[in-house]
Amino acid sequence: LLDEWETLTPKQALELLDAHYPDERVRSYAVDCLRPLPDDELAEFVLQLVQVLKYEQSHDSTLATFLISRAIRCPNLVGHIFFWHLKAEMHVAEISERYGLILELYLELSPAHRKDLHTQNVVMELLLYAARSIKDKSVAKKDRKAKLHEVLAATEFPERFGLPLNPEWVCKGLKVEKCKYMDSKKLPLWLCFVSADPVGKDLYVMFKDGDDLRQDLLTLQMFRIMDSIWRREGLDLKMIPYGCVATGDEIGMLEIVTSSNT
C-alpha cells in the first residue's frame, strides 16, 4: 500500500519513525518523505530524528544514512546540531555504540568541520573544569568567585573558537572580570566571551553542569513552532526563544537574554 499512498508531508511522516513502526520499508518510506525538507526546517527536527535512531533495527539504516548525508551537506547548521545531539546521549549505555559509530562516520567524512567541533569540545572541557572547581567542598562560599576568576584567568583557550550554542559566535577568550556564578543549587556559570569580530559585542552565555538541558531543548522547540504558526497567521507575540544546547550528561549552554527579567 505504501506505493499507492499519496506522499505524506514531512511532519506526518515523522510519526512513522517512532517505536510503533519497526518495519524497514515503512521507515525508509518515511525518510523519503523527509528528503524535500530544506536544511533550516530539517534542523528544527534533528532533536526528534536523533532520538528515533534508537528504534532502527540495525546501526546501518536509511535514517542514519540520510542524517549523515544532510549533516555533511550543511555542516554549520544540520551537522552542528546533529553532532551535539548525538554526543549529549553518549553516556546512555544502551545506545552509545550506535551513536558512537554514527559520530565516528560523520567526523571521518567531514574533516573541516571535525576541526571546529574538536576545538569546541576542548573549550567545553575547560569550562567544565572551571565549573567543578568552585563546587569543591574545600572552597568556602565567600571564596567561590575569586576561585572562579583564578581558574578562568589561568585557562589557556584556543586562539579562536566557536561555541556549541551557536557556531557563528566566534570568540577569542573570556572577559574574566565579568564572569560569575549564579547562586542556585547547581552553581551555573555566567560567562562573558570576547567576540573575535573587532566590532562585535560581548557574548553572554550560561554554562550548566548538573541539569538535563534536553528538557529545555524540547520546551524551547515548542515555543519556536508555536511562534512560527502565530507569525504565519499575522500574530507577532515578540517571542525570544533563546538558544540552548546539551553537550553531555547534564552539561550544556544557554543563551543569556540581556535586558530582561527572570
Protein backbone atom coordinates (compact mmCIF):
# COMPACT_ATOMS: atom_id res chain seq x y z
CA LEU A 1 0.00 0.00 0.00
CA LEU A 2 2.92 2.37 0.51
CA ASP A 3 3.37 2.61 -3.27
CA GLU A 4 -0.27 3.67 -3.69
CA TRP A 5 -0.36 6.29 -0.93
CA GLU A 6 -0.35 9.95 -1.71
CA THR A 7 3.02 11.24 -0.44
CA LEU A 8 2.87 12.27 3.20
CA THR A 9 4.01 15.67 4.38
CA PRO A 10 7.34 15.56 6.27
CA LYS A 11 5.59 16.26 9.57
CA GLN A 12 3.13 13.41 9.00
CA ALA A 13 6.00 11.10 8.04
CA LEU A 14 7.75 11.75 11.36
CA GLU A 15 5.07 9.67 13.08
CA LEU A 16 6.17 6.60 11.09
CA LEU A 17 9.61 6.74 12.70
CA ASP A 18 8.57 6.10 16.30
CA ALA A 19 8.73 2.75 18.08
CA HIS A 20 5.37 1.53 16.69
CA TYR A 21 6.73 1.02 13.15
CA PRO A 22 9.82 -1.23 13.17
CA ASP A 23 9.48 -2.44 9.56
CA GLU A 24 12.41 -1.19 7.47
CA ARG A 25 10.24 -0.49 4.41
CA VAL A 26 7.90 1.75 6.39
CA ARG A 27 10.82 3.62 7.93
CA SER A 28 12.55 4.03 4.55
CA TYR A 29 9.30 5.41 3.13
CA ALA A 30 9.12 7.94 5.99
CA VAL A 31 12.71 9.06 5.32
CA ASP A 32 11.89 9.52 1.62
CA CYS A 33 9.09 11.86 2.66
CA LEU A 34 11.61 13.91 4.69
CA ARG A 35 14.07 14.40 1.82
CA PRO A 36 12.39 17.53 0.35
CA LEU A 37 12.79 19.44 3.65
CA PRO A 38 15.15 22.42 3.29
CA ASP A 39 18.08 22.50 5.71
CA ASP A 40 16.61 25.14 8.04
CA GLU A 41 13.38 23.15 8.51
CA LEU A 42 15.20 19.84 8.85
CA ALA A 43 17.41 21.36 11.56
CA GLU A 44 14.30 22.01 13.66
CA PHE A 45 13.54 18.27 13.78
CA VAL A 46 17.05 16.84 14.28
CA LEU A 47 16.26 16.60 18.02
CA GLN A 48 13.50 14.06 17.32
CA LEU A 49 15.31 12.30 14.46
CA VAL A 50 18.33 11.57 16.64
CA GLN A 51 16.01 10.09 19.28
CA VAL A 52 14.23 7.76 16.84
CA LEU A 53 17.57 6.34 15.64
CA LYS A 54 17.18 4.19 18.78
CA TYR A 55 14.28 2.33 17.13
CA GLU A 56 16.15 1.27 13.98
CA GLN A 57 16.76 -2.49 13.71
CA SER A 58 20.43 -2.06 12.80
CA HIS A 59 23.18 0.56 13.05
CA ASP A 60 23.22 0.92 9.25
CA SER A 61 19.77 2.33 8.50
CA THR A 62 18.19 4.58 5.88
CA LEU A 63 17.58 7.20 8.55
CA ALA A 64 21.21 7.19 9.74
CA THR A 65 22.47 7.49 6.15
CA PHE A 66 20.03 10.34 5.45
CA LEU A 67 21.06 12.29 8.56
CA ILE A 68 24.79 11.84 7.93
CA SER A 69 24.45 12.93 4.27
CA ARG A 70 22.42 16.04 5.18
CA ALA A 71 24.85 16.86 8.00
CA ILE A 72 27.75 16.69 5.54
CA ARG A 73 25.86 18.88 3.06
CA CYS A 74 25.15 21.57 5.68
CA PRO A 75 27.76 21.19 8.42
CA ASN A 76 27.35 24.56 10.15
CA LEU A 77 23.62 24.08 10.75
CA VAL A 78 22.42 20.49 10.39
CA GLY A 79 25.84 18.93 11.06
CA HIS A 80 26.47 21.09 14.12
CA ILE A 81 23.12 20.24 15.73
CA PHE A 82 23.42 16.57 14.71
CA PHE A 83 26.85 16.22 16.36
CA TRP A 84 25.87 17.73 19.71
CA HIS A 85 22.56 15.86 19.95
CA LEU A 86 24.41 12.58 19.43
CA LYS A 87 27.21 13.48 21.84
CA ALA A 88 24.74 14.53 24.54
CA GLU A 89 23.42 10.93 24.62
CA MET A 90 26.76 9.08 24.60
CA HIS A 91 26.50 8.32 28.33
CA VAL A 92 23.41 6.13 27.75
CA ALA A 93 24.83 2.61 27.64
CA GLU A 94 22.02 1.11 25.51
CA ILE A 95 22.68 3.37 22.54
CA SER A 96 26.26 4.53 23.00
CA GLU A 97 27.64 2.00 20.48
CA ARG A 98 25.25 3.08 17.72
CA TYR A 99 25.65 6.78 18.37
CA GLY A 100 29.42 6.39 18.65
CA LEU A 101 29.64 4.67 15.25
CA ILE A 102 27.47 7.34 13.62
CA LEU A 103 29.54 10.12 15.21
CA GLU A 104 32.76 8.48 14.04
CA LEU A 105 31.50 8.16 10.47
CA TYR A 106 30.27 11.75 10.33
CA LEU A 107 33.56 13.13 11.66
CA GLU A 108 35.55 10.96 9.24
CA LEU A 109 33.55 12.31 6.29
CA SER A 110 33.70 15.97 7.46
CA PRO A 111 37.39 16.75 8.09
CA ALA A 112 36.97 20.54 8.05
CA HIS A 113 34.02 20.52 10.45
CA ARG A 114 35.79 17.94 12.62
CA LYS A 115 38.49 20.51 13.47
CA ASP A 116 35.88 23.09 14.54
CA LEU A 117 33.99 20.56 16.66
CA HIS A 118 37.22 19.39 18.30
CA THR A 119 38.04 22.98 19.29
CA GLN A 120 34.52 23.49 20.70
CA ASN A 121 34.85 20.27 22.67
CA VAL A 122 38.19 21.40 24.13
CA VAL A 123 36.54 24.66 25.28
CA MET A 124 33.69 22.72 26.90
CA GLU A 125 36.18 20.54 28.83
CA LEU A 126 37.99 23.66 30.08
CA LEU A 127 34.72 25.24 31.20
CA LEU A 128 33.64 22.01 32.91
CA TYR A 129 36.87 22.01 34.91
CA ALA A 130 36.24 25.63 35.97
CA ALA A 131 32.61 24.89 36.90
CA ARG A 132 33.59 21.94 39.08
CA SER A 133 36.48 23.79 40.74
CA ILE A 134 34.05 26.04 42.65
CA LYS A 135 31.88 23.07 43.70
CA ASP A 136 34.76 21.57 45.65
CA LYS A 137 33.82 21.35 49.33
CA SER A 138 37.19 22.81 50.27
CA VAL A 139 36.18 26.14 48.63
CA ALA A 140 34.21 28.35 51.00
CA LYS A 141 31.15 30.14 49.62
CA LYS A 142 32.76 33.57 50.12
CA ASP A 143 35.81 32.44 48.08
CA ARG A 144 33.96 30.94 45.12
CA LYS A 145 34.01 33.99 42.85
CA ALA A 146 37.72 34.58 43.46
CA LYS A 147 38.40 30.89 42.80
CA LEU A 148 36.42 31.02 39.55
CA HIS A 149 38.32 34.11 38.35
CA GLU A 150 41.61 32.47 39.30
CA VAL A 151 40.87 29.29 37.33
CA LEU A 152 39.48 31.14 34.28
CA ALA A 153 42.41 33.56 34.19
CA ALA A 154 44.84 30.62 34.21
CA THR A 155 42.97 28.76 31.46
CA GLU A 156 44.54 28.77 28.00
CA PHE A 157 41.70 28.88 25.49
CA PRO A 158 42.25 28.30 21.75
CA GLU A 159 43.11 31.42 19.77
CA ARG A 160 39.70 31.41 18.03
CA PHE A 161 36.76 29.14 18.72
CA GLY A 162 33.06 28.79 18.03
CA LEU A 163 30.56 27.84 20.71
CA PRO A 164 28.33 24.75 20.74
CA LEU A 165 25.45 27.16 21.40
CA ASN A 166 25.96 28.89 18.05
CA PRO A 167 28.92 28.15 15.73
CA GLU A 168 28.59 31.64 14.24
CA TRP A 169 29.58 33.11 17.60
CA VAL A 170 33.35 33.10 17.11
CA CYS A 171 35.24 34.05 20.26
CA LYS A 172 38.82 34.72 21.27
CA GLY A 173 38.64 34.38 25.04
CA LEU A 174 36.77 35.49 28.15
CA LYS A 175 36.37 38.77 29.99
CA VAL A 176 37.15 37.14 33.32
CA GLU A 177 36.16 40.18 35.40
CA LYS A 178 32.61 39.97 34.00
CA CYS A 179 32.24 36.24 34.71
CA LYS A 180 30.46 34.96 37.80
CA TYR A 181 28.46 32.04 39.11
CA MET A 182 24.73 32.00 39.81
CA ASP A 183 23.72 31.35 43.40
CA SER A 184 21.44 28.40 42.69
CA LYS A 185 21.83 24.74 43.63
CA LYS A 186 23.96 23.69 40.63
CA LEU A 187 26.10 26.89 40.59
CA PRO A 188 25.88 27.55 36.84
CA LEU A 189 28.47 29.91 35.36
CA TRP A 190 27.59 33.29 33.85
CA LEU A 191 30.28 33.80 31.20
CA CYS A 192 31.23 36.79 29.07
CA PHE A 193 33.06 35.81 25.87
CA VAL A 194 35.05 38.27 23.78
CA SER A 195 33.89 38.32 20.16
CA ALA A 196 36.60 37.63 17.57
CA ASP A 197 34.92 40.31 15.43
CA PRO A 198 36.71 43.61 16.22
CA VAL A 199 33.37 45.44 16.26
CA GLY A 200 31.34 42.56 17.70
CA LYS A 201 29.55 42.76 21.03
CA ASP A 202 30.43 40.64 24.05
CA LEU A 203 28.67 37.27 24.04
CA TYR A 204 26.91 36.20 27.25
CA VAL A 205 26.37 32.51 27.92
CA MET A 206 25.30 30.40 30.89
CA PHE A 207 27.26 27.16 31.33
CA LYS A 208 25.45 24.45 33.28
CA ASP A 209 26.80 21.31 34.92
CA GLY A 210 24.16 19.22 36.68
CA ASP A 211 20.95 19.99 34.75
CA ASP A 212 19.41 17.91 31.95
CA LEU A 213 19.08 20.54 29.23
CA ARG A 214 17.32 18.11 26.88
CA GLN A 215 14.09 19.09 28.67
CA ASP A 216 14.81 22.76 27.95
CA LEU A 217 15.52 21.90 24.30
CA LEU A 218 12.10 20.30 23.87
CA THR A 219 10.25 23.16 25.59
CA LEU A 220 12.05 25.80 23.53
CA GLN A 221 11.33 23.83 20.36
CA MET A 222 7.62 24.01 21.17
CA PHE A 223 7.90 27.78 21.64
CA ARG A 224 9.61 28.17 18.25
CA ILE A 225 6.99 26.02 16.48
CA MET A 226 4.11 27.93 18.07
CA ASP A 227 5.78 31.25 17.27
CA SER A 228 6.12 30.27 13.59
CA ILE A 229 2.43 29.25 13.48
CA TRP A 230 1.34 32.55 15.07
CA ARG A 231 3.51 34.57 12.70
CA ARG A 232 2.03 32.80 9.67
CA GLU A 233 -1.38 33.97 10.93
CA GLY A 234 -0.12 37.55 11.29
CA LEU A 235 0.30 37.45 15.08
CA ASP A 236 3.69 38.55 16.38
CA LEU A 237 3.88 37.97 20.13
CA LYS A 238 7.52 39.21 20.31
CA MET A 239 8.79 35.81 21.42
CA ILE A 240 12.53 35.36 22.02
CA PRO A 241 13.19 31.60 22.21
CA TYR A 242 16.78 31.73 23.46
CA GLY A 243 19.48 29.31 22.35
CA CYS A 244 20.14 26.09 24.26
CA VAL A 245 22.43 23.11 23.65
CA ALA A 246 23.09 19.91 25.61
CA THR A 247 26.69 18.77 25.15
CA GLY A 248 26.94 15.82 27.52
CA ASP A 249 25.50 14.11 30.58
CA GLU A 250 23.71 17.04 32.30
CA ILE A 251 26.12 19.52 30.70
CA GLY A 252 25.35 22.34 28.28
CA MET A 253 24.94 26.01 27.48
CA LEU A 254 22.10 28.53 27.46
CA GLU A 255 21.96 31.88 25.71
CA ILE A 256 21.51 34.75 28.17
CA VAL A 257 18.87 37.25 27.08
CA THR A 258 20.15 40.56 28.40
CA SER A 259 17.90 43.47 29.44
CA SER A 260 15.24 41.06 30.69
CA ASN A 261 13.71 39.91 33.95
CA THR A 262 13.66 36.27 35.01
